[in-house]
Every structure is written in structure tokens, then in C-alpha cells.
């Protein structure tokens, strides 16, 4: 089933089309959610929220929009909303002291995701937006309704914390 058929079927609430869309998009959605969540269980909760929104809002998908891009954007927004609900990501209490620079070594994706899950929600969100999703500091600040300086500090601390976590695991 191609994307146009899936969208058309989902708009009619056809279970077969919904399943096809889920099967096609779940790996991407799960990958994004795992990077934002504290655990795999929390990530699965967010994935469920994403697909509820996808099926509720599929009628708003424009003819010229890419299904994958639309689902991806909805996923990132849902992850950010999830972090906002907890409001813990606004806390700077867990920011640690400076850590020494380390050599750059390649890490397995599982190690990186595990390290990201150890970050506070605020640091994890900023790290995801800037270093994973590719947002600029200004764009991340706008998305998180914060100022550029706070995002810059959080990103620096997130990077330091990631280095610290990853070097301990070696």
C-alpha cells in the first residue's frame, strides 16, 4: 500500500490502512521518542500518543505534504509537549560541574541512546533539538519558549554530561 492509499484509507478510518501506516512509520516514530524519553516504557507511551494524534489529524495532511515529514514533525512536537507536561525539563538543578574534554570515539547507537536517557528531561530535550534534530539555538529557544542563553547553557551542559556518561562506560 503506498502513502496516498494509506492516507485515503486512514481518513475513512479503515483499520487495514491504519495498520499499514503504523507499520510503515512506527520505527521512525519510536526512534525519535526513545531519544526524548527517560525510558523505553515512557517512549512507548509517547509513541501511542503520536499515533493517536496521527489518526485524529490525518485529515489535515495537505495533498502536497510528505506523509513521513508530517508524521516526523508531529512526533517531535508530541515529544516536546510530553516534556512540557512534566515541567521537570525547566529545572537547572541537576546541572553538574565542568568535565574535562575527551577524545571523540565512535559509540554504538545503543550507548548514545542510553546516555541520553540519563540526562535530565530539560537537557535531553535541548540536546535532541540541537544536536540530533539540527535546530539552531534560536529555533530551539522558540520551540521551547525559552531564551537563547538558557538554551546555549543547557546544550553545553548536555554535551558535557553526555561525554561524562559515555566515557564512564568505556
N, C-alpha and C. Protein backbone atom coordinates (compact mmCIF):
# COMPACT_ATOMS: atom_id res chain seq x y z
N UNK A 1 0.85 -1.17 0.00
CA UNK A 1 0.00 0.00 0.00
C UNK A 1 0.91 1.24 0.00
N UNK A 2 0.69 2.16 -0.94
CA UNK A 2 1.53 3.37 -0.98
C UNK A 2 0.97 4.43 -0.03
N UNK A 3 1.72 5.51 0.14
CA UNK A 3 1.34 6.55 1.09
C UNK A 3 -0.02 7.16 0.81
N UNK A 4 -0.31 7.42 -0.45
CA UNK A 4 -1.59 8.03 -0.82
C UNK A 4 -2.75 7.10 -0.43
N UNK A 5 -2.59 5.81 -0.67
CA UNK A 5 -3.63 4.85 -0.31
C UNK A 5 -3.79 4.76 1.21
N UNK A 6 -2.66 4.78 1.93
CA UNK A 6 -2.74 4.73 3.39
C UNK A 6 -3.48 5.95 3.93
N UNK A 7 -3.14 7.13 3.43
CA UNK A 7 -3.77 8.37 3.90
C UNK A 7 -5.27 8.33 3.59
N UNK A 8 -5.60 7.95 2.39
CA UNK A 8 -7.01 7.89 2.00
C UNK A 8 -7.77 6.89 2.88
N UNK A 9 -7.18 5.74 3.12
CA UNK A 9 -7.81 4.73 3.98
C UNK A 9 -7.92 5.19 5.42
N UNK A 10 -6.90 5.85 5.93
CA UNK A 10 -6.94 6.35 7.31
C UNK A 10 -8.00 7.43 7.47
N UNK A 11 -8.18 8.24 6.46
CA UNK A 11 -9.24 9.26 6.52
C UNK A 11 -10.63 8.62 6.59
N UNK A 12 -10.75 7.41 6.03
CA UNK A 12 -12.02 6.66 6.10
C UNK A 12 -12.08 5.79 7.35
N UNK A 13 -11.02 5.84 8.17
CA UNK A 13 -10.89 5.05 9.39
C UNK A 13 -10.84 3.54 9.10
N UNK A 14 -10.20 3.21 8.00
CA UNK A 14 -10.02 1.82 7.60
C UNK A 14 -8.89 1.22 8.44
N UNK A 15 -9.19 0.18 9.20
CA UNK A 15 -8.22 -0.43 10.11
C UNK A 15 -7.01 -0.99 9.36
N UNK A 16 -7.21 -1.52 8.18
CA UNK A 16 -6.10 -2.08 7.41
C UNK A 16 -5.13 -0.97 6.99
N UNK A 17 -5.65 0.16 6.58
CA UNK A 17 -4.80 1.29 6.21
C UNK A 17 -4.09 1.87 7.43
N UNK A 18 -4.79 1.93 8.56
CA UNK A 18 -4.18 2.42 9.78
C UNK A 18 -3.03 1.52 10.20
N UNK A 19 -3.22 0.23 10.09
CA UNK A 19 -2.17 -0.72 10.43
C UNK A 19 -0.97 -0.58 9.50
N UNK A 20 -1.25 -0.38 8.21
CA UNK A 20 -0.17 -0.21 7.24
C UNK A 20 0.62 1.06 7.54
N UNK A 21 -0.07 2.14 7.89
CA UNK A 21 0.60 3.38 8.23
C UNK A 21 1.43 3.20 9.50
N UNK A 22 0.85 2.55 10.48
CA UNK A 22 1.58 2.28 11.73
C UNK A 22 2.85 1.47 11.45
N UNK A 23 2.72 0.40 10.68
CA UNK A 23 3.87 -0.46 10.37
C UNK A 23 4.95 0.31 9.61
N UNK A 24 4.53 1.22 8.75
CA UNK A 24 5.49 1.99 7.95
C UNK A 24 6.21 3.05 8.78
N UNK A 25 5.50 3.66 9.72
CA UNK A 25 6.06 4.81 10.44
C UNK A 25 6.55 4.50 11.86
N UNK A 26 6.15 3.38 12.44
CA UNK A 26 6.50 3.08 13.83
C UNK A 26 8.00 3.07 14.11
N UNK A 27 8.83 2.49 13.25
CA UNK A 27 10.26 2.51 13.55
C UNK A 27 10.83 3.93 13.67
N UNK A 28 10.44 4.81 12.76
CA UNK A 28 10.92 6.19 12.81
C UNK A 28 10.40 6.90 14.06
N UNK A 29 9.10 6.76 14.34
CA UNK A 29 8.48 7.41 15.49
C UNK A 29 9.12 6.90 16.78
N UNK A 30 9.31 5.62 16.88
CA UNK A 30 9.91 5.03 18.08
C UNK A 30 11.33 5.54 18.27
N UNK A 31 12.09 5.62 17.21
CA UNK A 31 13.46 6.11 17.29
C UNK A 31 13.53 7.53 17.84
N UNK A 32 12.64 8.38 17.38
CA UNK A 32 12.60 9.76 17.88
C UNK A 32 12.17 9.78 19.34
N UNK A 33 11.14 9.05 19.67
CA UNK A 33 10.61 9.05 21.04
C UNK A 33 11.61 8.51 22.05
N UNK A 34 12.37 7.50 21.67
CA UNK A 34 13.37 6.93 22.58
C UNK A 34 14.43 7.97 22.92
N UNK A 35 14.76 8.82 21.97
CA UNK A 35 15.77 9.85 22.23
C UNK A 35 15.26 10.91 23.21
N UNK A 36 13.98 11.16 23.24
CA UNK A 36 13.42 12.18 24.14
C UNK A 36 13.01 11.61 25.49
N UNK A 37 12.70 10.35 25.55
CA UNK A 37 12.14 9.74 26.76
C UNK A 37 13.23 9.30 27.73
N UNK A 38 12.83 9.15 28.99
CA UNK A 38 13.74 8.70 30.03
C UNK A 38 13.94 7.18 29.97
N UNK A 39 12.93 6.47 29.45
CA UNK A 39 12.99 5.01 29.38
C UNK A 39 12.24 4.53 28.16
N UNK A 40 12.40 3.24 27.86
CA UNK A 40 11.67 2.67 26.73
C UNK A 40 10.17 2.62 27.00
N UNK A 41 9.80 2.44 28.25
CA UNK A 41 8.37 2.41 28.61
C UNK A 41 7.76 3.79 28.35
N UNK A 42 8.45 4.83 28.80
CA UNK A 42 7.96 6.18 28.56
C UNK A 42 7.91 6.48 27.06
N UNK A 43 8.90 6.01 26.32
CA UNK A 43 8.92 6.20 24.87
C UNK A 43 7.70 5.55 24.22
N UNK A 44 7.34 4.36 24.68
CA UNK A 44 6.17 3.68 24.11
C UNK A 44 4.88 4.45 24.40
N UNK A 45 4.81 5.07 25.56
CA UNK A 45 3.65 5.91 25.86
C UNK A 45 3.56 7.09 24.89
N UNK A 46 4.71 7.69 24.61
CA UNK A 46 4.73 8.81 23.67
C UNK A 46 4.38 8.34 22.26
N UNK A 47 4.91 7.18 21.87
CA UNK A 47 4.58 6.62 20.55
C UNK A 47 3.07 6.45 20.41
N UNK A 48 2.45 5.94 21.45
CA UNK A 48 1.00 5.76 21.42
C UNK A 48 0.30 7.11 21.25
N UNK A 49 0.75 8.12 21.98
CA UNK A 49 0.17 9.46 21.84
C UNK A 49 0.34 9.99 20.42
N UNK A 50 1.52 9.74 19.84
CA UNK A 50 1.78 10.20 18.47
C UNK A 50 0.78 9.59 17.50
N UNK A 51 0.59 8.28 17.59
CA UNK A 51 -0.30 7.65 16.62
C UNK A 51 -1.77 8.00 16.85
N UNK A 52 -2.14 8.27 18.07
CA UNK A 52 -3.50 8.77 18.31
C UNK A 52 -3.68 10.11 17.59
N UNK A 53 -2.67 10.98 17.71
CA UNK A 53 -2.74 12.28 17.03
C UNK A 53 -2.71 12.11 15.51
N UNK A 54 -1.89 11.20 15.03
CA UNK A 54 -1.82 10.96 13.59
C UNK A 54 -3.20 10.58 13.05
N UNK A 55 -3.84 9.63 13.70
CA UNK A 55 -5.13 9.16 13.19
C UNK A 55 -6.24 10.20 13.39
N UNK A 56 -6.14 11.01 14.44
CA UNK A 56 -7.13 12.06 14.66
C UNK A 56 -6.96 13.21 13.67
N UNK A 57 -5.72 13.50 13.29
CA UNK A 57 -5.42 14.69 12.49
C UNK A 57 -5.07 14.40 11.03
N UNK A 58 -5.22 13.18 10.59
CA UNK A 58 -4.81 12.80 9.23
C UNK A 58 -5.55 13.63 8.17
N UNK A 59 -6.73 14.10 8.50
CA UNK A 59 -7.50 14.91 7.54
C UNK A 59 -6.83 16.25 7.27
N UNK A 60 -5.97 16.70 8.18
CA UNK A 60 -5.30 18.00 8.00
C UNK A 60 -4.06 17.90 7.12
N UNK A 61 -3.65 16.69 6.79
CA UNK A 61 -2.47 16.50 5.94
C UNK A 61 -2.79 17.00 4.54
N UNK A 62 -2.01 17.97 4.08
CA UNK A 62 -2.22 18.53 2.75
C UNK A 62 -1.79 17.58 1.66
N UNK A 63 -2.35 17.78 0.49
CA UNK A 63 -2.04 16.91 -0.66
C UNK A 63 -0.56 16.97 -1.03
N UNK A 64 0.05 18.15 -0.88
CA UNK A 64 1.44 18.31 -1.30
C UNK A 64 2.44 17.97 -0.18
N UNK A 65 1.95 17.74 1.04
CA UNK A 65 2.84 17.42 2.15
C UNK A 65 3.29 15.97 2.10
N UNK A 66 4.51 15.76 2.53
CA UNK A 66 5.04 14.41 2.64
C UNK A 66 4.50 13.77 3.92
N UNK A 67 3.98 12.58 3.82
CA UNK A 67 3.45 11.86 4.98
C UNK A 67 4.53 11.67 6.03
N UNK A 68 5.70 11.24 5.60
CA UNK A 68 6.79 10.97 6.54
C UNK A 68 7.20 12.26 7.27
N UNK A 69 7.33 13.35 6.56
CA UNK A 69 7.71 14.63 7.19
C UNK A 69 6.64 15.10 8.16
N UNK A 70 5.39 14.92 7.79
CA UNK A 70 4.28 15.33 8.64
C UNK A 70 4.27 14.51 9.93
N UNK A 71 4.43 13.21 9.82
CA UNK A 71 4.46 12.34 11.00
C UNK A 71 5.69 12.67 11.85
N UNK A 72 6.82 12.92 11.22
CA UNK A 72 8.04 13.25 11.95
C UNK A 72 7.85 14.53 12.76
N UNK A 73 7.31 15.55 12.13
CA UNK A 73 7.06 16.83 12.81
C UNK A 73 6.08 16.65 13.97
N UNK A 74 5.04 15.89 13.75
CA UNK A 74 4.06 15.62 14.80
C UNK A 74 4.72 14.85 15.96
N UNK A 75 5.64 13.97 15.64
CA UNK A 75 6.35 13.20 16.66
C UNK A 75 7.22 14.11 17.53
N UNK A 76 8.01 14.96 16.91
CA UNK A 76 8.87 15.88 17.66
C UNK A 76 8.01 16.79 18.54
N UNK A 77 6.94 17.33 17.97
CA UNK A 77 6.06 18.21 18.75
C UNK A 77 5.43 17.47 19.93
N UNK A 78 5.04 16.24 19.74
CA UNK A 78 4.46 15.44 20.83
C UNK A 78 5.49 15.17 21.91
N UNK A 79 6.71 14.90 21.51
CA UNK A 79 7.79 14.68 22.49
C UNK A 79 8.03 15.95 23.31
N UNK A 80 8.07 17.08 22.66
CA UNK A 80 8.26 18.35 23.36
C UNK A 80 7.08 18.62 24.29
N UNK A 81 5.88 18.37 23.81
CA UNK A 81 4.69 18.56 24.66
C UNK A 81 4.76 17.66 25.89
N UNK A 82 5.22 16.44 25.70
CA UNK A 82 5.35 15.50 26.81
C UNK A 82 6.32 16.05 27.86
N UNK A 83 7.43 16.60 27.39
CA UNK A 83 8.41 17.20 28.31
C UNK A 83 7.82 18.41 29.03
N UNK A 84 7.06 19.20 28.32
CA UNK A 84 6.44 20.38 28.94
C UNK A 84 5.45 19.97 30.03
N UNK A 85 4.71 18.91 29.79
CA UNK A 85 3.74 18.46 30.79
C UNK A 85 4.41 18.14 32.11
N UNK A 86 5.57 17.53 32.03
CA UNK A 86 6.27 17.15 33.25
C UNK A 86 6.92 18.36 33.91
N UNK A 87 7.20 19.39 33.14
CA UNK A 87 7.80 20.62 33.63
C UNK A 87 9.14 20.43 34.32
N UNK A 88 9.62 19.20 34.40
CA UNK A 88 10.93 18.96 35.02
C UNK A 88 12.05 19.45 34.12
N UNK A 89 11.79 19.53 32.84
CA UNK A 89 12.86 19.93 31.92
C UNK A 89 13.25 21.38 32.12
N UNK A 90 12.47 22.15 32.84
CA UNK A 90 12.78 23.55 33.08
C UNK A 90 13.80 23.74 34.20
N UNK A 91 14.08 22.69 34.94
CA UNK A 91 14.95 22.80 36.11
C UNK A 91 16.42 22.73 35.72
N UNK A 92 17.19 23.65 36.26
CA UNK A 92 18.63 23.64 36.06
C UNK A 92 19.33 23.04 37.27
N UNK A 93 18.60 22.46 38.21
CA UNK A 93 19.16 21.97 39.46
C UNK A 93 20.19 20.86 39.27
N UNK A 94 20.01 20.04 38.23
CA UNK A 94 20.88 18.88 38.11
C UNK A 94 22.11 19.14 37.23
N UNK A 95 22.35 20.40 36.87
CA UNK A 95 23.49 20.70 36.02
C UNK A 95 24.76 20.57 36.84
N UNK A 96 25.68 19.77 36.36
CA UNK A 96 26.89 19.48 37.12
C UNK A 96 28.03 20.44 36.83
N UNK A 97 29.14 20.15 37.43
CA UNK A 97 30.35 20.96 37.24
C UNK A 97 30.97 20.63 35.90
N UNK A 98 31.96 21.43 35.53
CA UNK A 98 32.65 21.22 34.27
C UNK A 98 33.37 19.88 34.27
N UNK A 99 33.40 19.26 33.10
CA UNK A 99 34.12 18.00 32.96
C UNK A 99 35.19 18.19 31.89
N UNK A 100 36.29 17.48 31.99
CA UNK A 100 37.35 17.66 31.01
C UNK A 100 36.92 17.16 29.63
N UNK A 101 37.53 17.74 28.61
CA UNK A 101 37.25 17.33 27.24
C UNK A 101 37.78 15.91 27.03
N UNK A 102 37.12 15.18 26.16
CA UNK A 102 37.55 13.82 25.86
C UNK A 102 37.76 13.68 24.36
N UNK A 103 38.56 12.71 23.99
CA UNK A 103 38.74 12.43 22.58
C UNK A 103 37.43 11.90 22.02
N UNK A 104 37.22 12.16 20.73
CA UNK A 104 35.99 11.68 20.12
C UNK A 104 36.19 10.26 19.64
N UNK A 105 35.43 9.36 20.17
CA UNK A 105 35.45 7.96 19.75
C UNK A 105 34.06 7.61 19.25
N UNK A 106 33.98 6.74 18.27
CA UNK A 106 32.65 6.33 17.82
C UNK A 106 31.97 5.48 18.89
N UNK A 107 30.71 5.72 19.09
CA UNK A 107 29.94 4.97 20.07
C UNK A 107 28.80 4.26 19.36
N UNK A 108 28.40 3.13 19.92
CA UNK A 108 27.25 2.42 19.38
C UNK A 108 25.99 3.24 19.66
N UNK A 109 25.04 3.17 18.77
CA UNK A 109 23.80 3.93 18.92
C UNK A 109 23.10 3.60 20.24
N UNK A 110 23.13 2.35 20.63
CA UNK A 110 22.51 1.96 21.91
C UNK A 110 23.17 2.68 23.08
N UNK A 111 24.49 2.84 23.03
CA UNK A 111 25.20 3.55 24.09
C UNK A 111 24.79 5.02 24.13
N UNK A 112 24.64 5.62 22.97
CA UNK A 112 24.26 7.02 22.90
C UNK A 112 22.85 7.21 23.43
N UNK A 113 21.92 6.36 23.01
CA UNK A 113 20.54 6.46 23.48
C UNK A 113 20.48 6.24 24.99
N UNK A 114 21.22 5.26 25.49
CA UNK A 114 21.25 5.00 26.93
C UNK A 114 21.80 6.22 27.68
N UNK A 115 22.83 6.82 27.14
CA UNK A 115 23.39 8.02 27.77
C UNK A 115 22.39 9.17 27.73
N UNK A 116 21.70 9.34 26.62
CA UNK A 116 20.71 10.41 26.51
C UNK A 116 19.59 10.22 27.53
N UNK A 117 19.22 8.99 27.79
CA UNK A 117 18.14 8.72 28.73
C UNK A 117 18.54 9.04 30.16
N UNK A 118 19.84 9.17 30.41
CA UNK A 118 20.31 9.53 31.74
C UNK A 118 20.34 11.04 31.97
N UNK A 119 20.17 11.81 30.90
CA UNK A 119 20.12 13.26 31.04
C UNK A 119 18.79 13.67 31.67
N UNK A 120 18.78 14.84 32.30
CA UNK A 120 17.52 15.36 32.81
C UNK A 120 16.61 15.63 31.61
N UNK A 121 15.31 15.69 31.81
CA UNK A 121 14.40 15.95 30.69
C UNK A 121 14.74 17.24 29.93
N UNK A 122 15.12 18.30 30.66
CA UNK A 122 15.46 19.55 30.02
C UNK A 122 16.70 19.40 29.15
N UNK A 123 17.75 18.81 29.67
CA UNK A 123 18.98 18.64 28.90
C UNK A 123 18.76 17.71 27.71
N UNK A 124 18.00 16.63 27.93
CA UNK A 124 17.72 15.67 26.86
C UNK A 124 16.97 16.35 25.72
N UNK A 125 16.00 17.19 26.06
CA UNK A 125 15.20 17.87 25.04
C UNK A 125 16.05 18.84 24.24
N UNK A 126 16.86 19.63 24.91
CA UNK A 126 17.72 20.59 24.22
C UNK A 126 18.75 19.86 23.35
N UNK A 127 19.35 18.80 23.88
CA UNK A 127 20.32 18.02 23.13
C UNK A 127 19.68 17.44 21.87
N UNK A 128 18.48 16.88 22.02
CA UNK A 128 17.77 16.33 20.87
C UNK A 128 17.50 17.38 19.81
N UNK A 129 16.96 18.51 20.24
CA UNK A 129 16.61 19.54 19.26
C UNK A 129 17.84 20.06 18.52
N UNK A 130 18.89 20.36 19.24
CA UNK A 130 20.06 21.00 18.62
C UNK A 130 21.02 20.01 17.95
N UNK A 131 21.40 18.96 18.67
CA UNK A 131 22.43 18.07 18.14
C UNK A 131 21.89 16.89 17.34
N UNK A 132 20.66 16.51 17.58
CA UNK A 132 20.09 15.39 16.83
C UNK A 132 19.19 15.88 15.71
N UNK A 133 18.25 16.77 16.04
CA UNK A 133 17.30 17.25 15.05
C UNK A 133 17.87 18.35 14.15
N UNK A 134 18.94 19.03 14.62
CA UNK A 134 19.59 20.04 13.80
C UNK A 134 19.02 21.44 13.91
N UNK A 135 18.24 21.72 14.95
CA UNK A 135 17.71 23.06 15.14
C UNK A 135 18.83 24.00 15.57
N UNK A 136 18.72 25.28 15.18
CA UNK A 136 19.65 26.28 15.67
C UNK A 136 19.25 26.63 17.10
N UNK A 137 20.13 27.35 17.79
CA UNK A 137 19.80 27.77 19.16
C UNK A 137 18.54 28.64 19.18
N UNK A 138 18.43 29.53 18.21
CA UNK A 138 17.24 30.40 18.15
C UNK A 138 15.97 29.59 17.91
N UNK A 139 16.05 28.62 17.02
CA UNK A 139 14.89 27.78 16.73
C UNK A 139 14.50 26.95 17.95
N UNK A 140 15.50 26.38 18.63
CA UNK A 140 15.23 25.58 19.83
C UNK A 140 14.62 26.46 20.92
N UNK A 141 15.15 27.66 21.09
CA UNK A 141 14.62 28.58 22.10
C UNK A 141 13.16 28.91 21.80
N UNK A 142 12.85 29.12 20.54
CA UNK A 142 11.46 29.42 20.16
C UNK A 142 10.55 28.23 20.41
N UNK A 143 11.01 27.03 20.05
CA UNK A 143 10.21 25.82 20.25
C UNK A 143 9.94 25.56 21.72
N UNK A 144 10.93 25.86 22.56
CA UNK A 144 10.81 25.58 23.99
C UNK A 144 10.34 26.80 24.79
N UNK A 145 10.03 27.87 24.07
CA UNK A 145 9.56 29.10 24.70
C UNK A 145 10.53 29.55 25.80
N UNK A 146 11.80 29.61 25.42
CA UNK A 146 12.86 29.98 26.35
C UNK A 146 13.74 31.01 25.66
N UNK A 147 14.78 31.46 26.36
CA UNK A 147 15.70 32.41 25.71
C UNK A 147 16.93 31.69 25.20
N UNK A 148 17.60 32.34 24.28
CA UNK A 148 18.75 31.76 23.60
C UNK A 148 19.86 31.40 24.58
N UNK A 149 20.12 32.24 25.55
CA UNK A 149 21.19 31.98 26.51
C UNK A 149 20.92 30.72 27.33
N UNK A 150 19.69 30.55 27.79
CA UNK A 150 19.35 29.35 28.58
C UNK A 150 19.53 28.09 27.74
N UNK A 151 19.16 28.15 26.48
CA UNK A 151 19.31 27.00 25.59
C UNK A 151 20.79 26.73 25.34
N UNK A 152 21.57 27.77 25.14
CA UNK A 152 23.01 27.61 24.92
C UNK A 152 23.68 26.95 26.12
N UNK A 153 23.35 27.42 27.31
CA UNK A 153 23.92 26.84 28.53
C UNK A 153 23.50 25.38 28.68
N UNK A 154 22.21 25.12 28.46
CA UNK A 154 21.71 23.75 28.58
C UNK A 154 22.38 22.82 27.56
N UNK A 155 22.58 23.30 26.34
CA UNK A 155 23.22 22.48 25.32
C UNK A 155 24.67 22.17 25.70
N UNK A 156 25.37 23.17 26.19
CA UNK A 156 26.75 22.96 26.64
C UNK A 156 26.80 21.93 27.76
N UNK A 157 25.90 22.06 28.71
CA UNK A 157 25.87 21.12 29.84
C UNK A 157 25.46 19.73 29.38
N UNK A 158 24.53 19.66 28.44
CA UNK A 158 24.10 18.35 27.92
C UNK A 158 25.26 17.64 27.23
N UNK A 159 26.00 18.39 26.45
CA UNK A 159 27.15 17.80 25.76
C UNK A 159 28.20 17.32 26.77
N UNK A 160 28.46 18.13 27.78
CA UNK A 160 29.42 17.74 28.82
C UNK A 160 28.96 16.48 29.53
N UNK A 161 27.69 16.44 29.87
CA UNK A 161 27.13 15.28 30.58
C UNK A 161 27.19 14.03 29.71
N UNK A 162 26.89 14.18 28.42
CA UNK A 162 26.98 13.04 27.51
C UNK A 162 28.40 12.51 27.46
N UNK A 163 29.38 13.39 27.37
CA UNK A 163 30.78 12.97 27.36
C UNK A 163 31.12 12.22 28.64
N UNK A 164 30.65 12.77 29.76
CA UNK A 164 30.92 12.16 31.05
C UNK A 164 30.32 10.75 31.13
N UNK A 165 29.09 10.62 30.72
CA UNK A 165 28.41 9.32 30.76
C UNK A 165 29.07 8.32 29.83
N UNK A 166 29.36 8.75 28.62
CA UNK A 166 29.93 7.84 27.63
C UNK A 166 31.36 7.42 28.00
N UNK A 167 32.13 8.32 28.58
CA UNK A 167 33.49 7.93 28.95
C UNK A 167 33.53 7.01 30.14
N UNK A 168 32.53 7.08 31.01
CA UNK A 168 32.45 6.16 32.16
C UNK A 168 32.15 4.74 31.69
N UNK A 169 31.45 4.62 30.57
CA UNK A 169 31.02 3.31 30.09
C UNK A 169 32.11 2.60 29.29
N UNK A 170 33.19 3.28 29.01
CA UNK A 170 34.25 2.66 28.20
C UNK A 170 35.12 1.78 29.08
